Amino acid sequence: PDCLVSLNGLQNAPWTEQYTVALFKALSHMLCIGYGRYPPQSYVDMWLTMLSMVIGAMCYAVTIGHVSALVQSFDTSRRLYNEKYKQVEEYMAWRKLPREMRNRISDFYEHRYQGKIFHEDTILTELSETLRL
């Protein structure tokens, strides 16, 4: 019928060739790479193309990972605040504090840190005497 093997004329081909074509088609679809009119013709070409597809996908994933890490590192004080506040929320849930008390604690943290955490003592000790005033 209309299966991958019969559409590519591979009914009598060895299983290695059948699986090579199937793997090539699967990777092409999975990675959204279409070869249109000029797909690789030989099995060696298919394996080399699949290798380049996998290497390309890995490079793309590494690039996206580095870019997202770079974006996250831009606002470290916000990230520190979020980590600290998450710990406070977990502590309040663990202690089963009443809603009113939780709201007061949340308001305190928002007022005290305003969504950012700075190590003010460390920053001030690094400044010169005249700048600290």
N, C-alpha and C. Protein backbone atom coordinates (compact mmCIF):
# COMPACT_ATOMS: atom_id res chain seq x y z
N PRO A 1 0.83 -1.21 0.00
CA PRO A 1 0.00 0.00 0.00
C PRO A 1 0.87 1.27 0.00
N ASP A 2 0.34 2.32 0.57
CA ASP A 2 1.02 3.61 0.56
C ASP A 2 1.82 3.82 1.84
N CYS A 3 2.88 3.08 1.99
CA CYS A 3 3.75 3.28 3.15
C CYS A 3 5.10 3.80 2.66
N LEU A 4 5.92 4.20 3.60
CA LEU A 4 7.22 4.78 3.27
C LEU A 4 8.07 3.82 2.43
N VAL A 5 8.01 2.56 2.76
CA VAL A 5 8.82 1.57 2.05
C VAL A 5 8.38 1.46 0.59
N SER A 6 7.08 1.35 0.36
CA SER A 6 6.61 1.18 -1.03
C SER A 6 6.70 2.48 -1.82
N LEU A 7 6.48 3.62 -1.18
CA LEU A 7 6.58 4.90 -1.89
C LEU A 7 7.99 5.18 -2.37
N ASN A 8 8.98 4.66 -1.66
CA ASN A 8 10.38 4.86 -2.05
C ASN A 8 10.96 3.66 -2.78
N GLY A 9 10.12 2.69 -3.12
CA GLY A 9 10.58 1.52 -3.86
C GLY A 9 11.58 0.67 -3.10
N LEU A 10 11.36 0.51 -1.81
CA LEU A 10 12.32 -0.21 -0.97
C LEU A 10 11.79 -1.56 -0.49
N GLN A 11 10.79 -2.14 -1.19
CA GLN A 11 10.21 -3.39 -0.73
C GLN A 11 11.24 -4.51 -0.64
N ASN A 12 12.15 -4.59 -1.58
CA ASN A 12 13.13 -5.66 -1.60
C ASN A 12 14.51 -5.21 -1.13
N ALA A 13 14.60 -3.99 -0.61
CA ALA A 13 15.89 -3.47 -0.15
C ALA A 13 16.23 -4.06 1.22
N PRO A 14 17.50 -4.13 1.55
CA PRO A 14 17.88 -4.62 2.89
C PRO A 14 17.31 -3.71 3.98
N TRP A 15 17.15 -4.29 5.16
CA TRP A 15 16.54 -3.53 6.25
C TRP A 15 17.37 -2.30 6.62
N THR A 16 18.69 -2.35 6.42
CA THR A 16 19.53 -1.19 6.75
C THR A 16 19.17 0.00 5.86
N GLU A 17 18.90 -0.27 4.58
CA GLU A 17 18.52 0.81 3.68
C GLU A 17 17.13 1.34 4.02
N GLN A 18 16.22 0.44 4.36
CA GLN A 18 14.87 0.86 4.74
C GLN A 18 14.92 1.75 5.99
N TYR A 19 15.69 1.34 6.97
CA TYR A 19 15.78 2.13 8.20
C TYR A 19 16.55 3.43 7.99
N THR A 20 17.51 3.43 7.07
CA THR A 20 18.23 4.67 6.77
C THR A 20 17.27 5.70 6.19
N VAL A 21 16.45 5.29 5.23
CA VAL A 21 15.47 6.21 4.64
C VAL A 21 14.46 6.66 5.70
N ALA A 22 14.00 5.72 6.51
CA ALA A 22 13.01 6.07 7.54
C ALA A 22 13.60 7.05 8.56
N LEU A 23 14.83 6.81 8.98
CA LEU A 23 15.47 7.71 9.94
C LEU A 23 15.70 9.08 9.32
N PHE A 24 16.10 9.11 8.06
CA PHE A 24 16.31 10.38 7.38
C PHE A 24 15.00 11.17 7.31
N LYS A 25 13.93 10.50 6.92
CA LYS A 25 12.63 11.18 6.83
C LYS A 25 12.18 11.66 8.21
N ALA A 26 12.36 10.83 9.23
CA ALA A 26 11.94 11.21 10.58
C ALA A 26 12.72 12.42 11.08
N LEU A 27 14.04 12.41 10.91
CA LEU A 27 14.84 13.56 11.33
C LEU A 27 14.49 14.81 10.54
N SER A 28 14.26 14.65 9.25
CA SER A 28 13.90 15.81 8.42
C SER A 28 12.61 16.45 8.91
N HIS A 29 11.62 15.62 9.23
CA HIS A 29 10.35 16.16 9.72
C HIS A 29 10.48 16.71 11.13
N MET A 30 11.19 16.00 11.97
CA MET A 30 11.33 16.41 13.37
C MET A 30 12.07 17.74 13.48
N LEU A 31 13.08 17.95 12.66
CA LEU A 31 13.86 19.18 12.71
C LEU A 31 13.37 20.23 11.71
N CYS A 32 12.23 19.95 11.06
CA CYS A 32 11.61 20.88 10.10
C CYS A 32 12.57 21.27 8.98
N ILE A 33 13.25 20.29 8.45
CA ILE A 33 14.16 20.53 7.34
C ILE A 33 13.58 19.83 6.12
N GLY A 34 13.20 20.60 5.12
CA GLY A 34 12.67 20.02 3.90
C GLY A 34 13.72 20.10 2.81
N TYR A 35 13.86 19.05 2.02
CA TYR A 35 14.86 19.05 0.96
C TYR A 35 14.25 19.22 -0.41
N GLY A 36 12.94 19.36 -0.47
CA GLY A 36 12.27 19.68 -1.73
C GLY A 36 12.64 18.77 -2.88
N ARG A 37 13.11 19.36 -3.96
CA ARG A 37 13.39 18.60 -5.18
C ARG A 37 14.72 17.86 -5.13
N TYR A 38 15.61 18.25 -4.23
CA TYR A 38 16.96 17.69 -4.26
C TYR A 38 17.35 17.03 -2.95
N PRO A 39 16.66 15.97 -2.56
CA PRO A 39 17.09 15.26 -1.34
C PRO A 39 18.34 14.44 -1.64
N PRO A 40 19.06 14.03 -0.61
CA PRO A 40 20.24 13.19 -0.85
C PRO A 40 19.83 11.89 -1.53
N GLN A 41 20.65 11.45 -2.48
CA GLN A 41 20.30 10.28 -3.28
C GLN A 41 20.91 8.99 -2.74
N SER A 42 22.16 9.03 -2.34
CA SER A 42 22.80 7.80 -1.87
C SER A 42 22.64 7.69 -0.35
N TYR A 43 22.87 6.51 0.16
CA TYR A 43 22.73 6.28 1.60
C TYR A 43 23.86 6.95 2.37
N VAL A 44 25.02 7.05 1.75
CA VAL A 44 26.12 7.78 2.39
C VAL A 44 25.74 9.25 2.53
N ASP A 45 25.15 9.81 1.46
CA ASP A 45 24.69 11.20 1.53
C ASP A 45 23.65 11.38 2.63
N MET A 46 22.76 10.41 2.76
CA MET A 46 21.73 10.50 3.81
C MET A 46 22.35 10.52 5.19
N TRP A 47 23.32 9.63 5.41
CA TRP A 47 23.96 9.58 6.74
C TRP A 47 24.75 10.86 7.02
N LEU A 48 25.44 11.38 6.03
CA LEU A 48 26.17 12.64 6.22
C LEU A 48 25.20 13.80 6.46
N THR A 49 24.09 13.80 5.75
CA THR A 49 23.08 14.84 5.95
C THR A 49 22.47 14.74 7.34
N MET A 50 22.18 13.51 7.77
CA MET A 50 21.63 13.33 9.13
C MET A 50 22.63 13.78 10.19
N LEU A 51 23.90 13.48 9.97
CA LEU A 51 24.93 13.92 10.92
C LEU A 51 24.97 15.44 10.98
N SER A 52 24.91 16.09 9.83
CA SER A 52 24.93 17.55 9.83
C SER A 52 23.66 18.12 10.45
N MET A 53 22.52 17.45 10.27
CA MET A 53 21.28 17.91 10.91
C MET A 53 21.39 17.85 12.43
N VAL A 54 21.93 16.75 12.94
CA VAL A 54 22.07 16.60 14.40
C VAL A 54 23.06 17.61 14.95
N ILE A 55 24.18 17.79 14.27
CA ILE A 55 25.17 18.78 14.72
C ILE A 55 24.57 20.18 14.68
N GLY A 56 23.83 20.50 13.64
CA GLY A 56 23.18 21.80 13.54
C GLY A 56 22.16 22.01 14.65
N ALA A 57 21.38 20.98 14.95
CA ALA A 57 20.39 21.09 16.03
C ALA A 57 21.07 21.28 17.38
N MET A 58 22.19 20.58 17.59
CA MET A 58 22.93 20.74 18.84
C MET A 58 23.50 22.15 18.96
N CYS A 59 24.06 22.67 17.89
CA CYS A 59 24.59 24.05 17.91
C CYS A 59 23.48 25.05 18.18
N TYR A 60 22.34 24.84 17.58
CA TYR A 60 21.19 25.71 17.80
C TYR A 60 20.76 25.67 19.27
N ALA A 61 20.69 24.46 19.85
CA ALA A 61 20.29 24.33 21.25
C ALA A 61 21.29 25.00 22.18
N VAL A 62 22.58 24.83 21.91
CA VAL A 62 23.61 25.47 22.74
C VAL A 62 23.50 26.99 22.63
N THR A 63 23.28 27.49 21.42
CA THR A 63 23.14 28.94 21.23
C THR A 63 21.95 29.48 22.00
N ILE A 64 20.81 28.81 21.90
CA ILE A 64 19.62 29.25 22.63
C ILE A 64 19.87 29.19 24.13
N GLY A 65 20.55 28.16 24.60
CA GLY A 65 20.88 28.05 26.02
C GLY A 65 21.76 29.19 26.49
N HIS A 66 22.77 29.53 25.71
CA HIS A 66 23.66 30.64 26.09
C HIS A 66 22.93 31.98 26.08
N VAL A 67 22.10 32.19 25.08
CA VAL A 67 21.36 33.45 25.00
C VAL A 67 20.40 33.58 26.18
N SER A 68 19.69 32.50 26.52
CA SER A 68 18.77 32.58 27.65
C SER A 68 19.52 32.78 28.97
N ALA A 69 20.68 32.17 29.12
CA ALA A 69 21.48 32.40 30.33
C ALA A 69 21.97 33.84 30.39
N LEU A 70 22.33 34.39 29.25
CA LEU A 70 22.77 35.79 29.19
C LEU A 70 21.63 36.73 29.57
N VAL A 71 20.45 36.47 29.05
CA VAL A 71 19.29 37.31 29.38
C VAL A 71 18.97 37.22 30.86
N GLN A 72 19.05 36.03 31.44
CA GLN A 72 18.77 35.87 32.87
C GLN A 72 19.80 36.58 33.72
N SER A 73 21.02 36.67 33.27
CA SER A 73 22.07 37.28 34.08
C SER A 73 22.00 38.80 34.08
N PHE A 74 21.18 39.39 33.21
CA PHE A 74 21.10 40.84 33.16
C PHE A 74 20.58 41.44 34.46
N ASP A 75 19.60 40.83 35.07
CA ASP A 75 18.96 41.40 36.25
C ASP A 75 19.19 40.49 37.45
N THR A 76 20.42 40.45 37.93
CA THR A 76 20.74 39.53 39.02
C THR A 76 20.07 39.93 40.32
N SER A 77 19.91 41.23 40.57
CA SER A 77 19.28 41.65 41.82
C SER A 77 17.82 41.22 41.85
N ARG A 78 17.13 41.25 40.72
CA ARG A 78 15.74 40.78 40.66
C ARG A 78 15.69 39.28 40.89
N ARG A 79 16.63 38.55 40.30
CA ARG A 79 16.67 37.10 40.49
C ARG A 79 16.93 36.74 41.94
N LEU A 80 17.86 37.47 42.59
CA LEU A 80 18.13 37.22 44.01
C LEU A 80 16.88 37.47 44.85
N TYR A 81 16.16 38.54 44.54
CA TYR A 81 14.93 38.84 45.27
C TYR A 81 13.92 37.72 45.07
N ASN A 82 13.74 37.27 43.83
CA ASN A 82 12.77 36.20 43.56
C ASN A 82 13.13 34.92 44.31
N GLU A 83 14.42 34.58 44.35
CA GLU A 83 14.85 33.38 45.09
C GLU A 83 14.57 33.53 46.57
N LYS A 84 14.89 34.70 47.13
CA LYS A 84 14.67 34.95 48.55
C LYS A 84 13.18 34.90 48.86
N TYR A 85 12.37 35.55 48.03
CA TYR A 85 10.94 35.60 48.29
C TYR A 85 10.31 34.21 48.14
N LYS A 86 10.81 33.41 47.22
CA LYS A 86 10.30 32.04 47.07
C LYS A 86 10.56 31.23 48.34
N GLN A 87 11.74 31.43 48.94
CA GLN A 87 12.04 30.75 50.21
C GLN A 87 11.09 31.21 51.30
N VAL A 88 10.81 32.51 51.33
CA VAL A 88 9.88 33.04 52.34
C VAL A 88 8.49 32.45 52.13
N GLU A 89 8.04 32.37 50.89
CA GLU A 89 6.72 31.78 50.61
C GLU A 89 6.66 30.32 51.03
N GLU A 90 7.73 29.56 50.75
CA GLU A 90 7.76 28.16 51.15
C GLU A 90 7.74 28.03 52.67
N TYR A 91 8.46 28.90 53.35
CA TYR A 91 8.48 28.88 54.81
C TYR A 91 7.09 29.19 55.36
N MET A 92 6.43 30.20 54.79
CA MET A 92 5.09 30.56 55.28
C MET A 92 4.11 29.42 55.05
N ALA A 93 4.22 28.73 53.92
CA ALA A 93 3.35 27.59 53.65
C ALA A 93 3.65 26.45 54.60
N TRP A 94 4.93 26.22 54.88
CA TRP A 94 5.32 25.14 55.79
C TRP A 94 4.81 25.41 57.20
N ARG A 95 4.86 26.67 57.62
CA ARG A 95 4.38 27.05 58.95
C ARG A 95 2.87 27.21 59.00
N LYS A 96 2.23 27.15 57.84
CA LYS A 96 0.78 27.30 57.74
C LYS A 96 0.31 28.61 58.39
N LEU A 97 1.00 29.69 58.03
CA LEU A 97 0.66 31.00 58.58
C LEU A 97 -0.69 31.46 58.03
N PRO A 98 -1.44 32.21 58.83
CA PRO A 98 -2.73 32.72 58.35
C PRO A 98 -2.54 33.70 57.19
N ARG A 99 -3.56 33.82 56.37
CA ARG A 99 -3.51 34.66 55.18
C ARG A 99 -3.13 36.10 55.52
N GLU A 100 -3.69 36.65 56.60
CA GLU A 100 -3.39 38.03 57.00
C GLU A 100 -1.90 38.20 57.29
N MET A 101 -1.32 37.25 58.01
CA MET A 101 0.11 37.31 58.34
C MET A 101 0.95 37.20 57.08
N ARG A 102 0.56 36.32 56.16
CA ARG A 102 1.29 36.17 54.90
C ARG A 102 1.27 37.47 54.10
N ASN A 103 0.11 38.11 54.06
CA ASN A 103 0.01 39.38 53.34
C ASN A 103 0.90 40.44 53.96
N ARG A 104 0.95 40.50 55.28
CA ARG A 104 1.80 41.48 55.95
C ARG A 104 3.28 41.22 55.67
N ILE A 105 3.67 39.94 55.69
CA ILE A 105 5.06 39.59 55.40
C ILE A 105 5.40 39.92 53.95
N SER A 106 4.48 39.61 53.03
CA SER A 106 4.70 39.93 51.61
C SER A 106 4.85 41.43 51.41
N ASP A 107 3.98 42.20 52.07
CA ASP A 107 4.08 43.66 51.97
C ASP A 107 5.41 44.16 52.52
N PHE A 108 5.86 43.56 53.62
CA PHE A 108 7.14 43.96 54.20
C PHE A 108 8.28 43.74 53.21
N TYR A 109 8.32 42.54 52.62
CA TYR A 109 9.40 42.24 51.68
C TYR A 109 9.34 43.14 50.45
N GLU A 110 8.15 43.41 49.97
CA GLU A 110 8.03 44.28 48.80
C GLU A 110 8.45 45.71 49.15
N HIS A 111 8.07 46.17 50.33
CA HIS A 111 8.45 47.52 50.74
C HIS A 111 9.95 47.61 51.04
N ARG A 112 10.48 46.59 51.71
CA ARG A 112 11.89 46.61 52.13
C ARG A 112 12.84 46.49 50.94
N TYR A 113 12.54 45.56 50.05
CA TYR A 113 13.48 45.28 48.95
C TYR A 113 13.04 45.86 47.61
N GLN A 114 11.78 46.20 47.45
CA GLN A 114 11.22 46.76 46.22
C GLN A 114 11.58 45.91 45.00
N GLY A 115 11.51 44.61 45.18
CA GLY A 115 11.73 43.68 44.07
C GLY A 115 13.18 43.47 43.69
N LYS A 116 14.11 44.04 44.46
CA LYS A 116 15.53 43.87 44.15
C LYS A 116 16.30 43.68 45.45
N ILE A 117 17.37 42.90 45.37
CA ILE A 117 18.23 42.71 46.53
C ILE A 117 19.63 43.16 46.14
N PHE A 118 20.17 44.05 46.95
CA PHE A 118 21.54 44.51 46.79
C PHE A 118 22.28 44.23 48.09
N HIS A 119 23.54 43.89 47.99
CA HIS A 119 24.38 43.73 49.18
C HIS A 119 24.99 45.10 49.47
N GLU A 120 24.19 45.93 50.12
CA GLU A 120 24.55 47.33 50.30
C GLU A 120 25.85 47.50 51.09
N ASP A 121 26.03 46.71 52.15
CA ASP A 121 27.26 46.83 52.95
C ASP A 121 28.50 46.57 52.09
N THR A 122 28.43 45.55 51.27
CA THR A 122 29.57 45.22 50.40
C THR A 122 29.83 46.35 49.41
N ILE A 123 28.77 46.87 48.83
CA ILE A 123 28.92 47.95 47.86
C ILE A 123 29.52 49.18 48.51
N LEU A 124 29.03 49.52 49.71
CA LEU A 124 29.52 50.73 50.38
C LEU A 124 30.97 50.59 50.84
N THR A 125 31.38 49.40 51.26
CA THR A 125 32.77 49.23 51.69
C THR A 125 33.74 49.35 50.52
N GLU A 126 33.28 49.08 49.32
CA GLU A 126 34.14 49.21 48.15
C GLU A 126 34.30 50.65 47.69
N LEU A 127 33.39 51.53 48.12
CA LEU A 127 33.46 52.93 47.71
C LEU A 127 34.49 53.69 48.55
N SER A 128 34.99 54.77 47.99
CA SER A 128 35.92 55.61 48.75
C SER A 128 35.15 56.37 49.84
N GLU A 129 35.90 56.92 50.77
CA GLU A 129 35.30 57.63 51.91
C GLU A 129 34.41 58.78 51.45
N THR A 130 34.86 59.54 50.49
CA THR A 130 34.08 60.70 50.04
C THR A 130 32.80 60.29 49.31
N LEU A 131 32.84 59.18 48.60
CA LEU A 131 31.65 58.72 47.89
C LEU A 131 30.61 58.13 48.84
N ARG A 132 31.04 57.60 49.96
CA ARG A 132 30.10 57.01 50.92
C ARG A 132 29.22 58.06 51.58
N LEU A 133 29.68 59.28 51.68
CA LEU A 133 28.91 60.33 52.35
C LEU A 133 27.78 60.78 51.52
